[in-house]
Protein backbone atom coordinates (compact mmCIF):
# COMPACT_ATOMS: atom_id res chain seq x y z
CA MET A 1 29.82 -103.46 36.93
CA GLU A 2 28.22 -106.90 37.56
CA GLN A 3 30.12 -108.49 39.92
CA GLN A 4 30.00 -112.40 38.94
CA ALA A 5 31.58 -115.51 40.12
CA ALA A 6 33.87 -116.67 37.59
CA PRO A 7 32.99 -119.87 35.60
CA ALA A 8 35.32 -122.89 35.53
CA ALA A 9 37.96 -123.41 33.08
CA HIS A 10 36.91 -123.68 29.61
CA GLY A 11 33.98 -121.59 29.68
CA TYR A 12 31.54 -123.85 31.95
CA GLU A 13 29.90 -122.20 34.59
CA SER A 14 30.10 -123.26 38.05
CA VAL A 15 26.77 -123.40 39.82
CA THR A 16 25.96 -122.65 43.74
CA GLY A 17 23.17 -121.74 45.94
CA HIS A 18 19.63 -123.07 46.91
CA ALA A 19 17.07 -124.82 44.74
CA ALA A 20 14.02 -122.38 44.75
CA GLY A 21 11.29 -123.49 46.68
CA GLU A 22 12.76 -126.83 47.87
CA GLY A 23 14.91 -125.69 50.57
CA GLN A 24 17.64 -128.33 49.30
CA THR A 25 21.39 -126.92 49.12
CA ALA A 26 23.42 -127.88 46.00
CA ALA A 27 25.51 -130.54 47.78
CA SER A 28 22.09 -132.53 48.64
CA MET A 29 21.01 -132.20 45.29
CA LEU A 30 24.48 -133.68 43.69
CA GLN A 31 24.46 -136.31 46.53
CA ALA A 32 20.89 -137.19 45.67
CA PHE A 33 21.59 -137.10 41.89
CA PHE A 34 24.41 -139.51 42.26
CA ARG A 35 22.53 -141.74 44.33
CA GLU A 36 19.76 -142.11 41.76
CA ASP A 37 22.56 -142.48 39.12
CA ARG A 38 24.16 -145.27 41.18
CA PHE A 39 20.55 -147.01 41.25
CA PHE A 40 20.18 -146.95 37.61
CA LEU A 41 23.54 -148.71 37.14
CA VAL A 42 22.24 -151.48 39.33
CA LEU A 43 18.94 -151.27 37.83
CA SER A 44 20.44 -151.78 34.30
CA VAL A 45 22.19 -154.92 35.58
CA PHE A 46 18.62 -156.64 36.63
CA ILE A 47 17.34 -155.38 33.01
CA GLY A 48 19.84 -157.30 31.31
CA ILE A 49 19.23 -160.55 33.65
CA PHE A 50 15.31 -160.38 32.64
CA SER A 51 15.90 -159.63 29.02
CA GLY A 52 18.55 -162.22 28.53
CA LEU A 53 16.05 -164.59 30.04
CA ALA A 54 13.24 -163.41 28.06
CA VAL A 55 15.38 -163.74 25.01
CA VAL A 56 16.26 -167.15 25.99
CA CYS A 57 12.80 -168.16 26.04
CA PHE A 58 12.07 -166.38 22.69
CA ARG A 59 14.75 -168.63 21.19
CA TYR A 60 13.76 -171.98 22.45
CA ALA A 61 10.08 -170.70 21.01
CA ILE A 62 11.28 -170.29 17.82
CA ASP A 63 13.10 -173.50 17.81
CA TRP A 64 9.57 -175.25 19.05
CA CYS A 65 7.69 -173.57 16.45
CA GLY A 66 9.90 -174.70 13.89
CA ILE A 67 9.50 -178.41 15.24
CA TYR A 68 5.96 -178.32 15.39
CA VAL A 69 4.69 -176.45 12.22
CA LEU A 70 7.61 -177.83 10.06
CA GLY A 71 8.08 -180.77 11.19
CA SER A 72 11.20 -182.55 12.68
CA GLY A 73 12.15 -184.63 9.91
CA ALA A 74 15.77 -184.23 7.87
CA VAL A 75 13.72 -183.46 4.94
CA LEU A 76 10.92 -181.34 4.97
CA THR A 77 7.84 -182.29 3.34
CA PRO A 78 6.67 -179.87 0.32
CA TRP A 79 3.17 -179.68 1.82
CA ARG A 80 4.32 -178.40 4.75
CA LEU A 81 6.87 -176.33 3.29
CA ILE A 82 3.94 -174.24 1.20
CA ALA A 83 1.31 -174.51 3.95
CA ALA A 84 3.10 -173.68 7.17
CA PRO A 85 4.18 -170.25 6.34
CA ALA A 86 0.91 -169.22 4.62
CA VAL A 87 -1.22 -170.88 7.49
CA ALA A 88 1.06 -168.99 10.11
CA GLY A 89 1.04 -165.56 8.11
CA LEU A 90 -2.93 -165.88 8.49
CA VAL A 91 -2.84 -166.26 12.19
CA ILE A 92 -0.02 -163.74 12.73
CA ALA A 93 -2.26 -161.54 10.53
CA VAL A 94 -5.50 -161.62 12.86
CA LEU A 95 -3.12 -161.38 15.95
CA THR A 96 -1.53 -158.06 14.68
CA VAL A 97 -4.48 -156.62 13.46
CA ARG A 98 -6.72 -157.46 16.42
CA VAL A 99 -4.92 -157.93 19.34
CA PHE A 100 -1.21 -156.85 18.97
CA PRO A 101 -1.23 -153.94 16.57
CA GLU A 102 2.23 -152.57 17.84
CA ALA A 103 3.88 -155.80 17.00
CA ARG A 104 4.60 -154.97 13.54
CA GLY A 105 7.63 -153.93 12.30
CA SER A 106 11.07 -155.00 13.35
CA GLY A 107 11.37 -152.93 16.65
CA VAL A 108 14.25 -150.74 15.92
CA ASN A 109 11.99 -147.87 15.18
CA GLN A 110 9.30 -148.36 17.73
CA THR A 111 12.17 -148.25 20.35
CA LYS A 112 13.30 -145.08 18.75
CA ALA A 113 10.13 -143.52 19.50
CA ALA A 114 9.79 -144.67 22.64
CA LEU A 115 12.86 -142.49 23.37
CA TYR A 116 12.20 -139.60 21.54
CA ILE A 117 8.03 -139.47 21.54
CA TYR A 118 6.67 -141.23 24.40
CA ASN A 119 9.24 -140.54 27.21
CA GLY A 120 10.36 -144.26 27.24
CA TYR A 121 6.99 -145.69 27.34
CA ILE A 122 6.53 -148.78 25.44
CA PRO A 123 3.45 -151.12 26.88
CA LEU A 124 4.39 -154.53 28.05
CA LYS A 125 1.70 -155.77 25.80
CA THR A 126 3.86 -155.13 23.26
CA ALA A 127 6.54 -157.56 24.27
CA VAL A 128 4.15 -160.12 24.80
CA GLY A 129 2.53 -159.69 21.07
CA LYS A 130 6.12 -159.45 19.59
CA PHE A 131 7.31 -162.70 21.55
CA ILE A 132 4.26 -164.55 19.92
CA THR A 133 4.08 -163.46 16.66
CA SER A 134 7.80 -163.12 16.09
CA ALA A 135 8.15 -166.39 17.18
CA LEU A 136 5.25 -168.26 15.00
CA ALA A 137 6.69 -166.19 11.95
CA ILE A 138 10.62 -166.99 12.05
CA GLY A 139 9.67 -170.82 13.05
CA SER A 140 7.05 -171.00 10.13
CA GLY A 141 9.77 -170.02 7.87
CA HIS A 142 9.17 -166.46 6.98
CA SER A 143 12.32 -164.82 6.42
CA LEU A 144 12.80 -162.67 9.31
CA GLY A 145 15.29 -162.56 12.08
CA PRO A 146 15.14 -162.75 15.96
CA GLU A 147 17.54 -160.03 16.61
CA ASP A 148 15.24 -156.74 16.14
CA PRO A 149 12.25 -158.30 18.09
CA SER A 150 14.59 -159.37 20.86
CA LEU A 151 15.77 -155.76 20.89
CA GLN A 152 12.02 -154.46 21.39
CA ILE A 153 11.15 -156.97 24.06
CA GLY A 154 14.11 -155.94 26.01
CA ALA A 155 13.03 -152.43 25.61
CA SER A 156 9.41 -152.99 26.63
CA LEU A 157 10.69 -154.92 29.74
CA ALA A 158 12.88 -152.15 30.81
CA SER A 159 9.96 -149.81 30.18
CA ALA A 160 7.61 -151.54 32.50
CA LEU A 161 10.28 -152.11 35.47
CA GLY A 162 10.83 -148.19 34.93
CA ARG A 163 7.13 -147.41 35.35
CA ARG A 164 6.97 -149.71 38.48
CA LEU A 165 9.48 -148.11 40.29
CA LYS A 166 8.47 -144.80 39.31
CA LEU A 167 11.82 -143.78 37.93
CA THR A 168 12.45 -139.86 36.60
CA ARG A 169 11.42 -138.89 33.00
CA ASP A 170 15.21 -138.54 32.10
CA HIS A 171 15.76 -142.04 33.20
CA MET A 172 12.46 -143.46 32.00
CA ARG A 173 13.73 -141.99 28.20
CA LEU A 174 17.23 -143.80 28.41
CA ILE A 175 15.71 -147.30 30.24
CA ALA A 176 14.29 -148.09 26.95
CA PRO A 177 17.66 -148.07 25.06
CA VAL A 178 19.29 -149.99 27.91
CA GLY A 179 16.70 -152.79 27.67
CA ALA A 180 17.32 -152.81 23.91
CA ALA A 181 20.96 -153.20 24.20
CA ALA A 182 20.37 -156.10 26.73
CA GLY A 183 17.86 -157.71 24.13
CA LEU A 184 19.98 -157.44 20.93
CA ALA A 185 23.26 -158.51 22.88
CA ALA A 186 21.63 -161.88 24.33
CA ALA A 187 20.14 -162.33 20.63
CA PHE A 188 23.63 -161.68 18.83
CA ASN A 189 25.80 -163.07 21.56
CA ALA A 190 27.72 -160.02 20.79
CA PRO A 191 27.51 -157.33 23.79
CA ILE A 192 30.03 -154.83 22.13
CA SER A 193 28.07 -154.94 18.53
CA ALA A 194 24.83 -154.46 20.55
CA VAL A 195 26.11 -151.65 22.79
CA LEU A 196 27.88 -149.65 19.60
CA PHE A 197 24.21 -150.28 17.33
CA VAL A 198 22.07 -148.98 20.22
CA ILE A 199 24.40 -145.95 20.86
CA GLU A 200 25.08 -145.33 17.31
CA GLU A 201 21.59 -145.90 15.75
CA VAL A 202 18.90 -145.33 18.78
CA ILE A 203 20.30 -143.24 21.17
CA GLY A 204 22.73 -140.84 19.07
CA ARG A 205 25.21 -139.87 21.88
CA TRP A 206 26.73 -141.00 24.72
CA THR A 207 28.03 -140.17 27.96
CA ALA A 208 30.05 -141.99 30.85
CA GLY A 209 26.22 -142.74 32.50
CA ILE A 210 24.70 -143.63 29.41
CA LEU A 211 27.64 -146.13 28.21
CA GLY A 212 27.98 -147.64 31.93
CA SER A 213 24.38 -148.77 31.56
CA VAL A 214 24.44 -149.60 28.23
CA VAL A 215 27.34 -151.86 28.67
CA LEU A 216 26.09 -153.44 31.95
CA SER A 217 23.05 -154.37 30.65
CA ALA A 218 24.53 -155.87 27.38
CA VAL A 219 27.14 -157.96 29.30
CA SER A 220 24.40 -159.13 31.96
CA SER A 221 22.04 -160.39 29.19
CA VAL A 222 24.82 -162.19 27.36
CA VAL A 223 25.80 -163.94 30.66
CA VAL A 224 22.72 -165.20 31.42
CA MET A 225 22.06 -166.10 27.43
CA ARG A 226 25.46 -168.15 27.65
CA TRP A 227 24.31 -169.98 30.88
CA PHE A 228 21.44 -171.40 29.34
CA MET A 229 22.10 -171.91 25.62
CA GLY A 230 26.18 -172.37 26.07
CA SER A 231 29.09 -169.67 25.19
CA GLU A 232 29.47 -171.06 21.16
CA PRO A 233 29.21 -168.26 18.78
CA LEU A 234 26.47 -168.00 16.29
CA PHE A 235 28.90 -169.72 13.56
CA ARG A 236 31.89 -172.05 13.39
CA ILE A 237 34.41 -169.73 12.10
CA PRO A 238 37.03 -171.73 9.77
CA PRO A 239 40.50 -170.09 9.56
CA VAL A 240 40.53 -166.71 7.86
CA GLU A 241 43.37 -164.34 6.86
CA LEU A 242 44.71 -161.88 4.45
CA LYS A 243 47.68 -163.37 2.64
CA ARG A 244 48.79 -160.51 0.13
CA PRO A 245 48.05 -156.88 0.39
CA SER A 246 46.68 -157.10 -3.50
CA GLU A 247 43.77 -158.81 -2.29
CA LEU A 248 42.28 -155.69 -0.92
CA ILE A 249 41.10 -154.84 -4.52
CA ALA A 250 38.99 -157.85 -4.49
CA TYR A 251 37.44 -156.89 -1.13
CA ALA A 252 36.67 -153.33 -2.96
CA ILE A 253 34.98 -155.08 -5.63
CA LEU A 254 32.87 -157.05 -2.80
CA GLY A 255 32.40 -153.78 -1.43
CA ILE A 256 30.86 -152.36 -4.49
CA VAL A 257 28.74 -155.26 -5.38
CA GLY A 258 27.50 -155.36 -1.68
CA GLY A 259 26.50 -151.46 -1.86
CA LEU A 260 24.73 -152.01 -5.09
CA ALA A 261 22.89 -154.79 -3.56
CA SER A 262 21.94 -152.84 -0.27
CA VAL A 263 20.32 -150.08 -2.63
CA ALA A 264 18.36 -152.56 -4.24
CA PHE A 265 16.92 -154.20 -1.27
CA SER A 266 16.28 -151.10 0.64
CA GLY A 267 14.57 -149.49 -2.81
CA GLY A 268 12.69 -152.70 -3.04
CA ILE A 269 11.10 -152.19 0.21
CA GLY A 270 10.87 -148.66 0.06
CA VAL A 271 8.39 -148.97 -3.21
CA MET A 272 6.69 -151.99 -2.05
CA ARG A 273 5.59 -151.09 1.68
CA PRO A 274 3.73 -148.10 0.78
CA TRP A 275 2.11 -149.98 -2.04
CA CYS A 276 1.05 -152.72 0.53
CA LYS A 277 -0.10 -150.35 3.08
CA LYS A 278 -2.48 -148.66 0.30
CA LEU A 279 -4.20 -151.76 -0.54
CA ARG A 280 -7.76 -152.37 0.65
CA PRO A 281 -8.07 -152.90 4.41
CA TRP A 282 -9.38 -156.36 4.48
CA THR A 283 -6.25 -157.31 2.55
CA GLN A 284 -4.01 -156.95 5.81
CA TYR A 285 -5.18 -160.31 6.72
CA ALA A 286 -4.06 -161.81 3.80
CA GLN A 287 -0.67 -159.85 3.16
CA PRO A 288 1.18 -162.00 5.60
CA ALA A 289 -0.37 -165.54 4.28
CA VAL A 290 0.41 -164.98 0.57
CA ALA A 291 4.02 -163.87 1.55
CA GLY A 292 4.40 -167.02 3.34
CA LEU A 293 2.91 -169.21 0.29
CA LEU A 294 5.61 -167.35 -1.85
CA ILE A 295 8.38 -168.16 0.31
CA GLY A 296 7.06 -171.68 0.64
CA LEU A 297 6.95 -171.90 -2.96
CA ILE A 298 10.69 -170.68 -3.39
CA ALA A 299 11.31 -173.08 -0.99
CA VAL A 300 9.77 -176.18 -2.86
CA MET A 301 11.61 -175.00 -5.94
CA GLY A 302 14.68 -175.68 -4.48
CA ALA A 303 16.05 -173.12 -2.09
CA PRO A 304 14.35 -173.97 1.30
CA GLN A 305 17.45 -172.19 2.86
CA VAL A 306 16.02 -168.56 2.38
CA MET A 307 13.23 -169.75 5.06
CA GLY A 308 13.88 -168.54 8.71
CA ALA A 309 16.80 -166.68 10.11
CA GLY A 310 19.04 -169.10 8.34
CA TYR A 311 22.16 -169.13 10.31
CA GLU A 312 22.89 -172.80 9.77
CA TYR A 313 23.20 -171.95 6.29
CA MET A 314 25.50 -169.18 6.85
CA ASP A 315 27.77 -171.48 8.62
CA GLU A 316 27.73 -174.03 5.55
CA ALA A 317 28.31 -170.97 3.38
CA MET A 318 31.71 -170.19 5.47
CA HIS A 319 32.63 -173.72 5.02
CA GLY A 320 32.56 -174.13 1.55
CA GLN A 321 29.44 -176.42 1.26
CA PHE A 322 27.71 -174.49 -1.70
CA THR A 323 28.98 -173.30 -5.32
CA TRP A 324 29.66 -169.83 -5.81
CA GLN A 325 26.84 -169.63 -8.34
CA PHE A 326 24.17 -171.25 -6.12
CA MET A 327 25.18 -168.59 -3.19
CA ALA A 328 24.58 -165.92 -5.51
CA ILE A 329 21.13 -167.24 -6.38
CA LEU A 330 20.44 -167.76 -2.84
CA ALA A 331 21.23 -163.98 -1.83
CA LEU A 332 18.75 -162.70 -4.80
CA LEU A 333 16.30 -165.22 -3.40
CA LYS A 334 16.70 -164.07 0.23
CA ILE A 335 16.30 -160.43 -0.51
CA VAL A 336 12.74 -161.15 -2.54
CA ALA A 337 11.88 -163.43 0.37
CA THR A 338 12.63 -160.83 3.16
CA MET A 339 10.98 -158.19 1.04
CA LEU A 340 7.71 -160.25 0.75
CA SER A 341 7.78 -161.16 4.55
CA PHE A 342 8.80 -157.46 5.96
CA VAL A 343 6.16 -155.52 3.75
CA SER A 344 3.36 -157.52 4.56
CA GLY A 345 3.86 -156.49 8.19
CA THR A 346 4.99 -159.66 9.64
CA PRO A 347 6.69 -158.96 12.44
CA GLY A 348 10.41 -159.81 12.82
CA GLY A 349 13.56 -158.40 12.32
CA MET A 350 16.10 -157.56 9.38
CA PHE A 351 19.47 -158.39 10.91
CA ALA A 352 19.71 -162.23 10.37
CA PRO A 353 18.46 -161.52 6.89
CA THR A 354 21.26 -159.05 6.30
CA LEU A 355 23.66 -161.10 7.56
CA PHE A 356 22.42 -163.97 5.38
CA ILE A 357 22.40 -161.88 2.27
CA GLY A 358 25.87 -160.64 3.05
CA ALA A 359 27.32 -164.02 3.78
CA MET A 360 26.04 -165.51 0.53
CA PHE A 361 27.15 -162.24 -1.84
CA GLY A 362 30.33 -162.59 -0.07
CA ALA A 363 31.38 -166.08 -0.69
CA ALA A 364 29.83 -165.60 -4.13
CA VAL A 365 31.84 -162.87 -5.39
CA GLY A 366 34.76 -164.35 -3.76
CA GLY A 367 34.40 -167.53 -5.56
CA ALA A 368 33.53 -165.63 -8.84
CA GLU A 369 36.79 -163.50 -8.44
CA HIS A 370 38.84 -166.87 -7.60
CA ALA A 371 37.42 -168.73 -10.98
CA LEU A 372 38.77 -165.59 -13.00
CA LEU A 373 41.86 -164.98 -11.08
CA PRO A 374 43.05 -168.47 -9.82
CA HIS A 375 46.22 -166.83 -8.26
CA LEU A 376 43.72 -165.07 -5.59
CA SER A 377 43.90 -166.69 -2.05
CA TRP A 378 40.04 -168.63 -1.90
CA SER A 379 38.60 -168.58 1.61
CA PRO A 380 34.96 -168.93 1.74
CA GLY A 381 34.88 -168.15 5.13
CA THR A 382 36.97 -165.10 5.07
CA TYR A 383 34.55 -163.49 2.28
CA ALA A 384 31.28 -164.36 3.84
CA LEU A 385 32.26 -162.75 6.90
CA VAL A 386 33.50 -159.53 5.16
CA GLY A 387 30.16 -159.83 3.11
CA MET A 388 27.94 -160.00 6.42
CA GLY A 389 29.91 -156.51 7.36
CA VAL A 390 29.39 -155.31 3.82
CA LEU A 391 25.45 -155.76 3.89
CA PHE A 392 25.10 -154.52 7.37
CA ALA A 393 27.08 -151.17 6.25
CA GLY A 394 25.16 -150.67 3.16
CA PHE A 395 21.59 -151.60 4.23
CA LEU A 396 21.26 -150.89 7.70
CA ARG A 397 23.79 -148.11 7.53
CA ALA A 398 25.47 -148.54 10.91
CA PRO A 399 29.30 -148.58 9.78
CA MET A 400 31.23 -148.81 13.22
CA THR A 401 28.87 -151.49 14.46
CA SER A 402 29.18 -153.49 11.23
CA VAL A 403 33.36 -153.25 11.73
CA PHE A 404 32.99 -154.63 15.45
CA MET A 405 30.15 -157.25 14.68
CA VAL A 406 32.46 -158.82 12.14
CA LEU A 407 35.31 -159.02 14.52
CA GLU A 408 33.15 -160.02 17.70
CA VAL A 409 31.46 -162.76 15.63
CA SER A 410 34.73 -164.25 14.04
CA GLY A 411 37.49 -163.41 17.00
CA ASN A 412 39.85 -162.69 14.26
CA TYR A 413 41.55 -159.47 13.94
CA SER A 414 43.78 -160.00 10.86
CA ILE A 415 40.64 -159.37 8.37
CA ILE A 416 40.13 -155.85 10.13
CA VAL A 417 41.64 -154.13 7.01
CA PRO A 418 39.49 -156.28 4.28
CA VAL A 419 36.33 -155.51 6.37
CA ILE A 420 37.06 -151.67 6.94
CA VAL A 421 37.96 -151.24 3.10
CA ALA A 422 34.73 -153.53 2.02
CA ASN A 423 32.56 -151.60 4.36
CA THR A 424 33.74 -148.39 3.42
CA PHE A 425 32.78 -148.66 -0.10
CA ALA A 426 29.49 -150.29 0.70
CA TYR A 427 28.63 -147.52 2.91
CA VAL A 428 29.78 -144.74 0.53
CA ILE A 429 27.78 -146.28 -2.42
CA SER A 430 24.75 -146.84 -0.34
CA ARG A 431 24.67 -143.33 1.06
CA ALA A 432 25.26 -141.66 -2.44
CA LEU A 433 22.80 -143.77 -4.14
CA ARG A 434 20.13 -143.94 -1.71
CA PRO A 435 20.61 -140.96 0.63
CA VAL A 436 17.79 -141.77 3.33
CA ALA A 437 18.82 -144.71 5.50
CA ILE A 438 16.25 -147.59 5.95
CA PHE A 439 15.30 -146.88 9.40
CA ASP A 440 14.83 -143.49 8.72
CA MET A 441 12.65 -144.13 5.49
CA LEU A 442 10.85 -146.63 7.53
CA SER A 443 9.71 -144.24 10.22
CA ARG A 444 8.70 -141.57 7.74
CA GLN A 445 6.29 -144.06 6.09
CA GLU A 446 4.91 -144.27 9.40
CA GLY A 447 4.42 -140.35 9.97
CA LEU A 448 7.19 -140.30 12.40
CA GLU A 449 9.76 -137.71 12.22
CA LEU A 450 12.52 -139.26 14.44
CA PRO A 451 16.09 -138.10 14.70
CA SER A 452 18.35 -139.29 11.73
CA MET A 453 21.27 -140.56 13.39
CA GLU A 454 23.00 -140.71 9.93
CA GLU A 455 22.04 -137.15 9.22
CA LEU A 456 23.13 -136.04 12.56
CA ARG A 457 26.59 -137.53 11.84
CA GLU A 458 26.69 -135.88 8.39
CA GLU A 459 25.50 -132.15 9.50
CA SER A 460 27.76 -129.51 9.44
CA ILE A 461 28.86 -128.11 12.89
CA LEU A 462 28.94 -124.62 13.28
CA ARG A 463 31.93 -123.53 15.55
CA VAL A 464 32.83 -120.07 17.54
CA GLU A 465 35.55 -119.51 14.84
CA ASP A 466 32.59 -119.22 12.13
CA ALA A 467 31.28 -116.39 13.70
CA MET A 468 33.76 -114.82 16.21
CA GLN A 469 35.42 -111.20 15.25
CA PRO A 470 39.03 -110.15 15.27
CA PRO A 471 40.39 -109.21 18.77
CA PRO A 472 40.42 -105.63 19.36
CA GLU A 473 43.76 -103.46 19.25
CA LEU A 474 43.35 -102.49 22.76
CA VAL A 475 43.13 -104.85 25.78
CA PRO A 476 43.56 -102.90 28.80
CA ASP A 477 45.10 -104.86 31.68
CA ALA A 478 43.65 -105.55 35.31
CA ALA A 479 46.70 -103.60 36.78
CA ASP A 480 46.38 -100.51 34.85
CA THR A 481 44.89 -97.41 36.79
CA MET A 482 41.29 -96.78 35.92
CA GLU A 483 43.02 -93.12 34.35
CA LYS A 484 45.20 -95.61 31.92
CA ILE A 485 42.15 -97.67 31.15
CA ALA A 486 39.87 -94.46 30.55
CA LYS A 487 42.71 -93.15 28.10
CA GLN A 488 42.58 -96.47 26.10
CA ALA A 489 38.69 -96.55 26.17
CA ALA A 490 38.85 -93.12 24.44
CA HIS A 491 40.31 -94.80 21.43
CA ALA A 492 38.75 -97.89 21.63
CA GLN A 493 35.78 -98.98 19.66
CA GLY A 494 32.59 -100.13 20.81
CA ASN A 495 31.02 -99.62 24.26
CA VAL A 496 32.64 -102.51 26.16
CA LEU A 497 36.39 -103.05 26.86
CA LEU A 498 37.78 -106.64 27.49
CA VAL A 499 40.30 -106.71 30.45
CA ARG A 500 42.93 -109.24 30.90
CA LEU A 501 43.08 -110.24 34.38
CA HIS A 502 46.01 -111.61 36.80
CA PRO A 503 47.07 -113.99 37.14
CA GLY A 504 44.63 -115.38 34.50
CA GLY A 505 41.06 -115.13 33.14
CA TRP A 506 39.36 -112.23 31.80
CA SER A 507 36.66 -109.51 32.50
CA SER A 508 35.35 -106.43 30.82
CA ILE A 509 33.89 -103.13 31.61
CA THR A 510 31.67 -100.48 29.77
CA ARG A 511 32.40 -97.12 29.10
CA GLU A 512 29.58 -95.95 31.48
CA GLU A 513 31.12 -97.84 34.30
CA ILE A 514 34.44 -96.34 33.61
CA GLU A 515 33.03 -92.49 33.59
CA THR A 516 31.28 -93.42 37.04
CA MET A 517 34.51 -94.26 38.34
CA MET A 518 36.25 -91.07 37.02
CA ARG A 519 33.79 -89.23 38.47
CA GLU A 520 33.78 -91.00 41.87
CA GLY A 521 37.50 -89.94 41.95
CA ARG A 522 38.93 -93.46 41.56
CA GLY A 523 41.41 -92.67 38.93
CA SER A 524 44.52 -93.39 40.62
CA GLU A 525 42.93 -97.09 41.75
CA ARG A 526 43.55 -100.23 39.85
CA LEU A 527 40.61 -102.00 38.45
CA GLU A 528 41.95 -105.11 40.19
CA ALA A 529 41.82 -103.43 43.51
CA ILE A 530 38.23 -102.43 42.57
CA LEU A 531 37.02 -105.72 41.11
CA GLU A 532 38.59 -107.47 44.48
CA GLY A 533 38.19 -111.05 42.69
CA GLY A 534 34.70 -110.67 40.95
CA GLY A 535 33.91 -109.60 37.44
CA GLN A 536 35.50 -112.65 35.69
CA ILE A 537 33.45 -113.79 32.71
CA PRO A 538 33.71 -116.89 30.92
CA TYR A 539 35.82 -117.40 27.65
CA LEU A 540 35.51 -119.75 24.85
CA HIS A 541 38.08 -121.58 22.33
CA PRO A 542 37.94 -121.23 18.47
CA ASP A 543 36.91 -124.87 18.27
CA HIS A 544 33.88 -124.47 20.63
CA SER A 545 30.23 -125.22 19.10
CA LEU A 546 28.52 -122.34 18.35
CA ASP A 547 25.82 -124.00 20.76
CA MET A 548 27.94 -123.25 23.72
CA ALA A 549 28.48 -119.65 22.83
CA LEU A 550 24.81 -119.20 23.28
CA ARG A 551 25.30 -120.17 26.63
CA TYR A 552 27.08 -116.83 27.49
CA VAL A 553 26.81 -114.36 24.95
CA ASP A 554 22.87 -113.17 26.11
CA ARG A 555 24.61 -112.65 29.82
CA TRP A 556 27.95 -110.88 28.99
CA PRO A 557 28.00 -108.34 25.95
CA LEU A 558 31.24 -109.19 24.84
CA VAL A 559 32.94 -112.89 25.39
CA PRO A 560 36.54 -113.69 24.60
CA VAL A 561 38.00 -116.49 22.57
CA VAL A 562 41.22 -117.60 23.37
CA ASN A 563 44.15 -119.71 22.54
CA ARG A 564 44.14 -123.25 24.15
CA ALA A 565 47.96 -122.97 24.04
CA ASN A 566 47.93 -119.98 25.81
CA LEU A 567 44.91 -118.54 28.07
CA ARG A 568 46.20 -114.87 27.63
CA GLU A 569 46.57 -114.80 24.17
CA LEU A 570 43.31 -113.32 22.39
CA ASP A 571 42.07 -115.07 19.20
CA GLY A 572 39.00 -112.83 19.02
CA VAL A 573 35.67 -111.83 20.42
CA ILE A 574 32.22 -112.88 19.93
CA THR A 575 28.75 -111.12 20.78
CA GLN A 576 25.08 -112.19 20.85
CA ARG A 577 24.73 -110.53 17.10
CA ASP A 578 27.51 -112.47 15.62
CA VAL A 579 26.01 -115.86 16.83
CA LEU A 580 22.51 -114.89 15.62
CA GLU A 581 23.70 -113.53 12.32
CA ARG A 582 26.09 -116.77 11.60
CA TYR A 583 22.95 -118.97 12.32
CA ARG A 584 20.80 -116.82 9.83
CA ASP A 585 23.24 -117.17 7.22
CA PHE A 586 24.14 -120.71 7.59
CA GLY A 587 20.16 -121.36 7.56
CA GLY A 588 19.89 -119.91 4.20
CA GLU A 589 22.90 -121.80 2.70
């Protein structure tokens, strides 16, 4: 009978011994592991500092481009509004086609590809190209934002630093998301939202080590950013509150409208982007320029607010500076302007346009509801903030990040219920009408099959209880003699019998082993004396994933499934055949 040391509680094995061919003990390997992990945590702080400095320079570059390209006057001249984004688009096209081809897009999918395809490798040239082209695009008035490019710039700097320090492959894969969190946190001035987004949409999982590294990089980058640019939030948030529970109906309607707007927004990009990519190659030089020209025309016709990131206009919307009719028009025009910029291949982010559209739609829906139902309290700031979360949840499909982003930006937890209600409606509607999330759609259009975090969240999980068999009627006790166990084996089914150990745990014995011991005249001996502390096998619980069962069923022919409240109570048993058959049936469902 196999004499193997017992695994730790809950079915996890304990590993001892020497690393083959390396002459290192398990203790020295463990010590080296923790030493490298501590170094990675310290490195995360420096990644945050460097990323924070890069984002500060990036924000200044956007402002300077805006001053030199569009002018510094309070009233922008029409010819500049039209010419600036068009000429800048032509320059950007030459740079992205000839010099920085990897700078196209928002940067989120590129960072995700670095994690899952390229082992964390992002060329430093990508960060340089993203910095130059995105600053020129946003500063000249293209309808894009700095957050996604900041995310990729941080990831690229982190990747370059990791290569310089010759980190292990596992740490190289994680270093890009760590830099991404730092860049996004500095751009947003919101470390919690940045951490959640990177874990929710880029990494897709988290451990204590991953969370620690991402948090340290995000916090350190925000500290650097606030040192240079001040600690003021992106928006001057007016007093916001929920006065009556009946108002939740109004926020639910906002969630429905926002969900439909998200579907239209992502659907438009999904149709226009492949169409633009199929045009003749020479049109790649003209597409950003044409997009800039059309955006300039929208601005000249009375809506210059759609140009650039538009933070200042979101702030004005929160303070009631626009009529609700005009804000609805701005939201629609911003969707058009952002689609033109993004599908043309102009580098820039989707976060700021999403927040702009959400703020305008939110305040517009709130104003329309107040006009129809005057008894509703009217707070444009509250509806604009909730609208930001609604579009974030519906378009970017990051439901957890959308809630905490609103709370972090507003600093007011009294609106958490309206945010959750509206975001839930928007997310459910968007998911039902548009099954593929925007970032998944963009990666598949590029021919990349990156893991869909949304699909993973929705995926059914097979558990041990889905495959296990009922417990056997006869379960011998290790305190029984071999003679008694042999009699029980004669009436038992199968070739393997489970055995209860004292004071706890489980073992197994086969019919051949029983027969051998009986022939050797050991029938009067107790099984526990024969085992002498060995022979213990792992056990599982019904709620464990079926993947965990695969770790054991190929080494032990019969694995017990025990109750969490009583480890001596057998809920069932599972074998390799049970696991494989359940997976086969699941694949055909």
